[in-house]
Amino acid sequence: MNPIAWGIPATCAVFSAALLSLAASAQSLPQNSVPAGTTTRTASFMVSVMVDNDCMISNSNTLQFGHVAPVLGASTGAGLALTGQTTHFSVVCSKNTRYTLYLNQGSTASSTVDRRLMSGSTPGNMDQLQYQLYLDPACSTIWGDGASGSAGGISGVGSGSPQLYTVYGRILPQDTPNADLYSSIITASLTF
């Protein structure tokens, strides 16, 4: 069954029968003649639909720094070398929808947008690893959540097609934490 016509066949069938009946009546009239006393009246009605704005974030990928080697014998605060990586995700918004895209502080306890932290995965490891997320490849503007005094988010206008965004991440110089796998979950949010 045609999905568009589902639930309507009875109505369409009655309408079609009425049209066939009218067509048969019209054929019985002599050509170029109008029945005496025929009057035509018309009425108009509006057809409308409201198209809503909508947005979604898709195709998000892990920001993977890989293996970071400690700088052995380094002075305090330089136990890890500065390391950078990128990741991408897409935003799709309906045409001409203005939006702003934010990144939160992450899931690690005591992490803030200005001082993002990852926690270790080994039970009992209380060390945390400092990193940061930026709007630009020069890593000069922190990509924030729009609420905690950070530079905030990035604004755009929807085109109806995916728009690709790059997140620039850095592991910051710091004392060497315990050897472990460190991670945090960042939540991206859209306001529109």
C-alpha atoms as a PDB file:
ATOM      1  CA  MET A   1       0.000   0.000   0.000  1.00  0.00           C
ATOM      2  CA  ASN A   2       1.300   3.443  -0.827  1.00  0.00           C
ATOM      3  CA  PRO A   3       2.427   5.076   2.477  1.00  0.00           C
ATOM      4  CA  ILE A   4       1.204   8.526   1.440  1.00  0.00           C
ATOM      5  CA  ALA A   5      -2.288   7.285   0.644  1.00  0.00           C
ATOM      6  CA  TRP A   6      -2.577   5.161   3.804  1.00  0.00           C
ATOM      7  CA  GLY A   7      -5.743   5.929   5.733  1.00  0.00           C
ATOM      8  CA  ILE A   8      -7.338   7.918   2.855  1.00  0.00           C
ATOM      9  CA  PRO A   9      -8.512   5.392   0.201  1.00  0.00           C
ATOM     10  CA  ALA A  10     -12.201   5.462   1.216  1.00  0.00           C
ATOM     11  CA  THR A  11     -12.382   9.259   0.967  1.00  0.00           C
ATOM     12  CA  CYS A  12     -10.551   9.294  -2.360  1.00  0.00           C
ATOM     13  CA  ALA A  13     -12.800   6.529  -3.713  1.00  0.00           C
ATOM     14  CA  VAL A  14     -15.991   8.464  -2.847  1.00  0.00           C
ATOM     15  CA  PHE A  15     -14.545  11.601  -4.419  1.00  0.00           C
ATOM     16  CA  SER A  16     -13.551   9.637  -7.550  1.00  0.00           C
ATOM     17  CA  ALA A  17     -17.058   8.173  -7.870  1.00  0.00           C
ATOM     18  CA  ALA A  18     -18.541  11.662  -7.614  1.00  0.00           C
ATOM     19  CA  LEU A  19     -16.200  12.914 -10.344  1.00  0.00           C
ATOM     20  CA  LEU A  20     -17.151  10.005 -12.629  1.00  0.00           C
ATOM     21  CA  SER A  21     -20.841  10.754 -12.069  1.00  0.00           C
ATOM     22  CA  LEU A  22     -20.273  14.422 -12.944  1.00  0.00           C
ATOM     23  CA  ALA A  23     -18.294  13.470 -16.014  1.00  0.00           C
ATOM     24  CA  ALA A  24     -21.123  11.174 -17.202  1.00  0.00           C
ATOM     25  CA  SER A  25     -23.678  13.991 -16.688  1.00  0.00           C
ATOM     26  CA  ALA A  26     -21.504  16.434 -18.585  1.00  0.00           C
ATOM     27  CA  GLN A  27     -21.179  14.017 -21.515  1.00  0.00           C
ATOM     28  CA  SER A  28     -24.980  13.759 -21.824  1.00  0.00           C
ATOM     29  CA  LEU A  29     -25.272  17.544 -22.400  1.00  0.00           C
ATOM     30  CA  PRO A  30     -25.097  18.844 -25.952  1.00  0.00           C
ATOM     31  CA  GLN A  31     -21.750  20.400 -26.790  1.00  0.00           C
ATOM     32  CA  ASN A  32     -21.419  24.199 -26.356  1.00  0.00           C
ATOM     33  CA  SER A  33     -24.549  24.359 -24.254  1.00  0.00           C
ATOM     34  CA  VAL A  34     -25.042  25.202 -20.597  1.00  0.00           C
ATOM     35  CA  PRO A  35     -28.135  23.984 -18.797  1.00  0.00           C
ATOM     36  CA  ALA A  36     -30.641  26.750 -18.207  1.00  0.00           C
ATOM     37  CA  GLY A  37     -30.546  28.258 -14.741  1.00  0.00           C
ATOM     38  CA  THR A  38     -27.000  27.070 -13.981  1.00  0.00           C
ATOM     39  CA  THR A  39     -25.246  29.206 -11.349  1.00  0.00           C
ATOM     40  CA  THR A  40     -21.625  28.934 -10.246  1.00  0.00           C
ATOM     41  CA  ARG A  41     -20.495  29.836  -6.777  1.00  0.00           C
ATOM     42  CA  THR A  42     -16.942  29.642  -5.440  1.00  0.00           C
ATOM     43  CA  ALA A  43     -15.250  29.468  -2.068  1.00  0.00           C
ATOM     44  CA  SER A  44     -11.599  29.686  -1.152  1.00  0.00           C
ATOM     45  CA  PHE A  45      -9.587  27.997   1.583  1.00  0.00           C
ATOM     46  CA  MET A  46      -6.024  28.297   2.740  1.00  0.00           C
ATOM     47  CA  VAL A  47      -3.431  25.528   2.755  1.00  0.00           C
ATOM     48  CA  SER A  48      -0.605  26.047   5.256  1.00  0.00           C
ATOM     49  CA  VAL A  49       2.158  24.281   7.147  1.00  0.00           C
ATOM     50  CA  MET A  50       4.617  25.526   9.772  1.00  0.00           C
ATOM     51  CA  VAL A  51       8.195  24.343   9.212  1.00  0.00           C
ATOM     52  CA  ASP A  52      10.094  24.355  12.524  1.00  0.00           C
ATOM     53  CA  ASN A  53      13.761  25.101  13.100  1.00  0.00           C
ATOM     54  CA  ASP A  54      15.847  22.107  14.135  1.00  0.00           C
ATOM     55  CA  CYS A  55      19.507  21.238  14.644  1.00  0.00           C
ATOM     56  CA  MET A  56      21.568  18.160  15.433  1.00  0.00           C
ATOM     57  CA  ILE A  57      25.188  17.225  16.090  1.00  0.00           C
ATOM     58  CA  SER A  58      26.508  14.150  14.294  1.00  0.00           C
ATOM     59  CA  ASN A  59      29.647  12.241  13.361  1.00  0.00           C
ATOM     60  CA  SER A  60      31.519  13.046  16.569  1.00  0.00           C
ATOM     61  CA  ASN A  61      34.845  11.242  16.967  1.00  0.00           C
ATOM     62  CA  THR A  62      37.246  10.584  19.833  1.00  0.00           C
ATOM     63  CA  LEU A  63      39.975  13.178  20.350  1.00  0.00           C
ATOM     64  CA  GLN A  64      42.859  10.708  20.608  1.00  0.00           C
ATOM     65  CA  PHE A  65      46.220  11.988  21.854  1.00  0.00           C
ATOM     66  CA  GLY A  66      47.772   8.529  21.555  1.00  0.00           C
ATOM     67  CA  HIS A  67      50.796   7.736  23.740  1.00  0.00           C
ATOM     68  CA  VAL A  68      52.437  10.638  25.566  1.00  0.00           C
ATOM     69  CA  ALA A  69      55.951   9.999  26.852  1.00  0.00           C
ATOM     70  CA  PRO A  70      57.057  11.699  30.068  1.00  0.00           C
ATOM     71  CA  VAL A  71      60.021  14.072  29.927  1.00  0.00           C
ATOM     72  CA  LEU A  72      62.258  12.265  32.401  1.00  0.00           C
ATOM     73  CA  GLY A  73      64.386  14.487  34.603  1.00  0.00           C
ATOM     74  CA  ALA A  74      62.334  17.569  33.666  1.00  0.00           C
ATOM     75  CA  SER A  75      61.771  20.415  36.080  1.00  0.00           C
ATOM     76  CA  THR A  76      58.455  20.754  37.924  1.00  0.00           C
ATOM     77  CA  GLY A  77      55.564  21.478  35.581  1.00  0.00           C
ATOM     78  CA  ALA A  78      57.297  20.139  32.459  1.00  0.00           C
ATOM     79  CA  GLY A  79      57.001  16.394  33.010  1.00  0.00           C
ATOM     80  CA  LEU A  80      54.796  16.078  29.913  1.00  0.00           C
ATOM     81  CA  ALA A  81      55.597  17.822  26.651  1.00  0.00           C
ATOM     82  CA  LEU A  82      52.975  19.953  24.903  1.00  0.00           C
ATOM     83  CA  THR A  83      51.046  17.614  22.583  1.00  0.00           C
ATOM     84  CA  GLY A  84      48.285  18.591  20.137  1.00  0.00           C
ATOM     85  CA  GLN A  85      45.609  16.704  18.195  1.00  0.00           C
ATOM     86  CA  THR A  86      42.290  17.449  16.493  1.00  0.00           C
ATOM     87  CA  THR A  87      38.891  15.872  16.091  1.00  0.00           C
ATOM     88  CA  HIS A  88      35.797  16.771  14.069  1.00  0.00           C
ATOM     89  CA  PHE A  89      32.035  16.649  14.226  1.00  0.00           C
ATOM     90  CA  SER A  90      29.203  17.968  12.096  1.00  0.00           C
ATOM     91  CA  VAL A  91      26.272  20.254  12.782  1.00  0.00           C
ATOM     92  CA  VAL A  92      23.141  20.115  10.647  1.00  0.00           C
ATOM     93  CA  CYS A  93      20.570  22.885  11.103  1.00  0.00           C
ATOM     94  CA  SER A  94      17.572  23.804   9.008  1.00  0.00           C
ATOM     95  CA  LYS A  95      18.137  26.629   6.535  1.00  0.00           C
ATOM     96  CA  ASN A  96      18.858  30.077   7.991  1.00  0.00           C
ATOM     97  CA  THR A  97      18.680  28.813  11.592  1.00  0.00           C
ATOM     98  CA  ARG A  98      21.163  30.755  13.728  1.00  0.00           C
ATOM     99  CA  TYR A  99      22.912  28.624  16.325  1.00  0.00           C
ATOM    100  CA  THR A 100      25.774  28.609  18.826  1.00  0.00           C
ATOM    101  CA  LEU A 101      27.859  25.531  19.569  1.00  0.00           C
ATOM    102  CA  TYR A 102      29.383  24.996  23.048  1.00  0.00           C
ATOM    103  CA  LEU A 103      31.676  22.433  24.708  1.00  0.00           C
ATOM    104  CA  ASN A 104      31.367  21.742  28.435  1.00  0.00           C
ATOM    105  CA  GLN A 105      34.137  21.132  30.994  1.00  0.00           C
ATOM    106  CA  GLY A 106      34.040  17.336  30.689  1.00  0.00           C
ATOM    107  CA  SER A 107      33.072  14.515  33.018  1.00  0.00           C
ATOM    108  CA  THR A 108      36.095  14.527  35.351  1.00  0.00           C
ATOM    109  CA  ALA A 109      35.436  15.799  38.877  1.00  0.00           C
ATOM    110  CA  SER A 110      36.867  19.295  39.548  1.00  0.00           C
ATOM    111  CA  SER A 111      37.354  19.950  35.820  1.00  0.00           C
ATOM    112  CA  THR A 112      36.371  23.442  34.616  1.00  0.00           C
ATOM    113  CA  VAL A 113      36.247  24.963  31.149  1.00  0.00           C
ATOM    114  CA  ASP A 114      39.343  27.029  31.979  1.00  0.00           C
ATOM    115  CA  ARG A 115      41.173  24.006  33.429  1.00  0.00           C
ATOM    116  CA  ARG A 116      39.959  20.809  31.796  1.00  0.00           C
ATOM    117  CA  LEU A 117      41.073  17.529  33.381  1.00  0.00           C
ATOM    118  CA  MET A 118      41.099  13.836  32.524  1.00  0.00           C
ATOM    119  CA  SER A 119      41.023  11.136  35.191  1.00  0.00           C
ATOM    120  CA  GLY A 120      42.898   7.825  35.240  1.00  0.00           C
ATOM    121  CA  SER A 121      41.149   4.516  34.640  1.00  0.00           C
ATOM    122  CA  THR A 122      43.066   2.391  37.175  1.00  0.00           C
ATOM    123  CA  PRO A 123      41.291   2.055  40.551  1.00  0.00           C
ATOM    124  CA  GLY A 124      43.135   4.028  43.212  1.00  0.00           C
ATOM    125  CA  ASN A 125      44.897   6.360  40.759  1.00  0.00           C
ATOM    126  CA  MET A 126      43.959   9.844  41.969  1.00  0.00           C
ATOM    127  CA  ASP A 127      46.155  11.705  39.443  1.00  0.00           C
ATOM    128  CA  GLN A 128      44.543  13.903  36.823  1.00  0.00           C
ATOM    129  CA  LEU A 129      45.896  15.061  33.480  1.00  0.00           C
ATOM    130  CA  GLN A 130      45.469  18.650  32.244  1.00  0.00           C
ATOM    131  CA  TYR A 131      44.391  19.385  28.672  1.00  0.00           C
ATOM    132  CA  GLN A 132      42.498  22.081  26.813  1.00  0.00           C
ATOM    133  CA  LEU A 133      40.154  22.434  23.820  1.00  0.00           C
ATOM    134  CA  TYR A 134      40.338  25.398  21.457  1.00  0.00           C
ATOM    135  CA  LEU A 135      38.393  27.072  18.658  1.00  0.00           C
ATOM    136  CA  ASP A 136      41.461  27.844  16.525  1.00  0.00           C
ATOM    137  CA  PRO A 137      44.552  25.992  15.239  1.00  0.00           C
ATOM    138  CA  ALA A 138      46.821  28.436  17.100  1.00  0.00           C
ATOM    139  CA  CYS A 139      45.182  27.230  20.351  1.00  0.00           C
ATOM    140  CA  SER A 140      44.650  30.801  21.512  1.00  0.00           C
ATOM    141  CA  THR A 141      40.879  30.754  22.192  1.00  0.00           C
ATOM    142  CA  ILE A 142      39.356  28.200  24.589  1.00  0.00           C
ATOM    143  CA  TRP A 143      36.172  26.584  23.306  1.00  0.00           C
ATOM    144  CA  GLY A 144      33.817  27.106  26.220  1.00  0.00           C
ATOM    145  CA  ASP A 145      30.336  26.466  27.469  1.00  0.00           C
ATOM    146  CA  GLY A 146      29.070  30.033  27.315  1.00  0.00           C
ATOM    147  CA  ALA A 147      28.539  30.160  31.061  1.00  0.00           C
ATOM    148  CA  SER A 148      31.796  30.037  32.985  1.00  0.00           C
ATOM    149  CA  GLY A 149      33.745  33.065  31.796  1.00  0.00           C
ATOM    150  CA  SER A 150      35.349  31.201  28.900  1.00  0.00           C
ATOM    151  CA  ALA A 151      35.428  32.563  25.383  1.00  0.00           C
ATOM    152  CA  GLY A 152      32.133  30.779  24.827  1.00  0.00           C
ATOM    153  CA  GLY A 153      31.041  28.955  21.701  1.00  0.00           C
ATOM    154  CA  ILE A 154      31.123  29.346  17.983  1.00  0.00           C
ATOM    155  CA  SER A 155      28.166  30.713  16.028  1.00  0.00           C
ATOM    156  CA  GLY A 156      26.834  29.637  12.666  1.00  0.00           C
ATOM    157  CA  VAL A 157      23.852  29.728  10.332  1.00  0.00           C
ATOM    158  CA  GLY A 158      22.254  26.503   9.140  1.00  0.00           C
ATOM    159  CA  SER A 159      22.265  25.564   5.474  1.00  0.00           C
ATOM    160  CA  GLY A 160      20.304  22.313   5.698  1.00  0.00           C
ATOM    161  CA  SER A 161      23.536  20.397   4.995  1.00  0.00           C
ATOM    162  CA  PRO A 162      26.261  19.167   7.392  1.00  0.00           C
ATOM    163  CA  GLN A 163      28.754  21.834   8.497  1.00  0.00           C
ATOM    164  CA  LEU A 164      32.082  20.438   9.726  1.00  0.00           C
ATOM    165  CA  TYR A 165      33.752  21.777  12.890  1.00  0.00           C
ATOM    166  CA  THR A 166      37.272  21.055  14.133  1.00  0.00           C
ATOM    167  CA  VAL A 167      38.182  20.837  17.811  1.00  0.00           C
ATOM    168  CA  TYR A 168      41.852  21.602  18.550  1.00  0.00           C
ATOM    169  CA  GLY A 169      43.122  19.815  21.663  1.00  0.00           C
ATOM    170  CA  ARG A 170      46.344  20.079  23.655  1.00  0.00           C
ATOM    171  CA  ILE A 171      47.911  18.158  26.499  1.00  0.00           C
ATOM    172  CA  LEU A 172      49.464  20.943  28.594  1.00  0.00           C
ATOM    173  CA  PRO A 173      52.935  20.916  30.200  1.00  0.00           C
ATOM    174  CA  GLN A 174      52.570  19.517  33.729  1.00  0.00           C
ATOM    175  CA  ASP A 175      54.125  17.215  36.266  1.00  0.00           C
ATOM    176  CA  THR A 176      54.190  13.606  35.104  1.00  0.00           C
ATOM    177  CA  PRO A 177      51.109  11.742  36.371  1.00  0.00           C
ATOM    178  CA  ASN A 178      50.995   8.019  37.067  1.00  0.00           C
ATOM    179  CA  ALA A 179      51.242   5.817  33.986  1.00  0.00           C
ATOM    180  CA  ASP A 180      47.598   5.090  33.101  1.00  0.00           C
ATOM    181  CA  LEU A 181      44.899   5.617  30.508  1.00  0.00           C
ATOM    182  CA  TYR A 182      43.339   9.049  31.142  1.00  0.00           C
ATOM    183  CA  SER A 183      40.008  10.163  29.714  1.00  0.00           C
ATOM    184  CA  SER A 184      37.046  12.511  30.015  1.00  0.00           C
ATOM    185  CA  ILE A 185      33.715  12.806  28.206  1.00  0.00           C
ATOM    186  CA  ILE A 186      32.974  16.196  26.637  1.00  0.00           C
ATOM    187  CA  THR A 187      29.386  17.192  25.883  1.00  0.00           C
ATOM    188  CA  ALA A 188      28.780  19.450  22.890  1.00  0.00           C
ATOM    189  CA  SER A 189      25.542  21.448  22.962  1.00  0.00           C
ATOM    190  CA  LEU A 190      23.663  23.577  20.454  1.00  0.00           C
ATOM    191  CA  THR A 191      21.421  26.532  21.194  1.00  0.00           C
ATOM    192  CA  PHE A 192      19.206  27.802  18.369  1.00  0.00           C
END
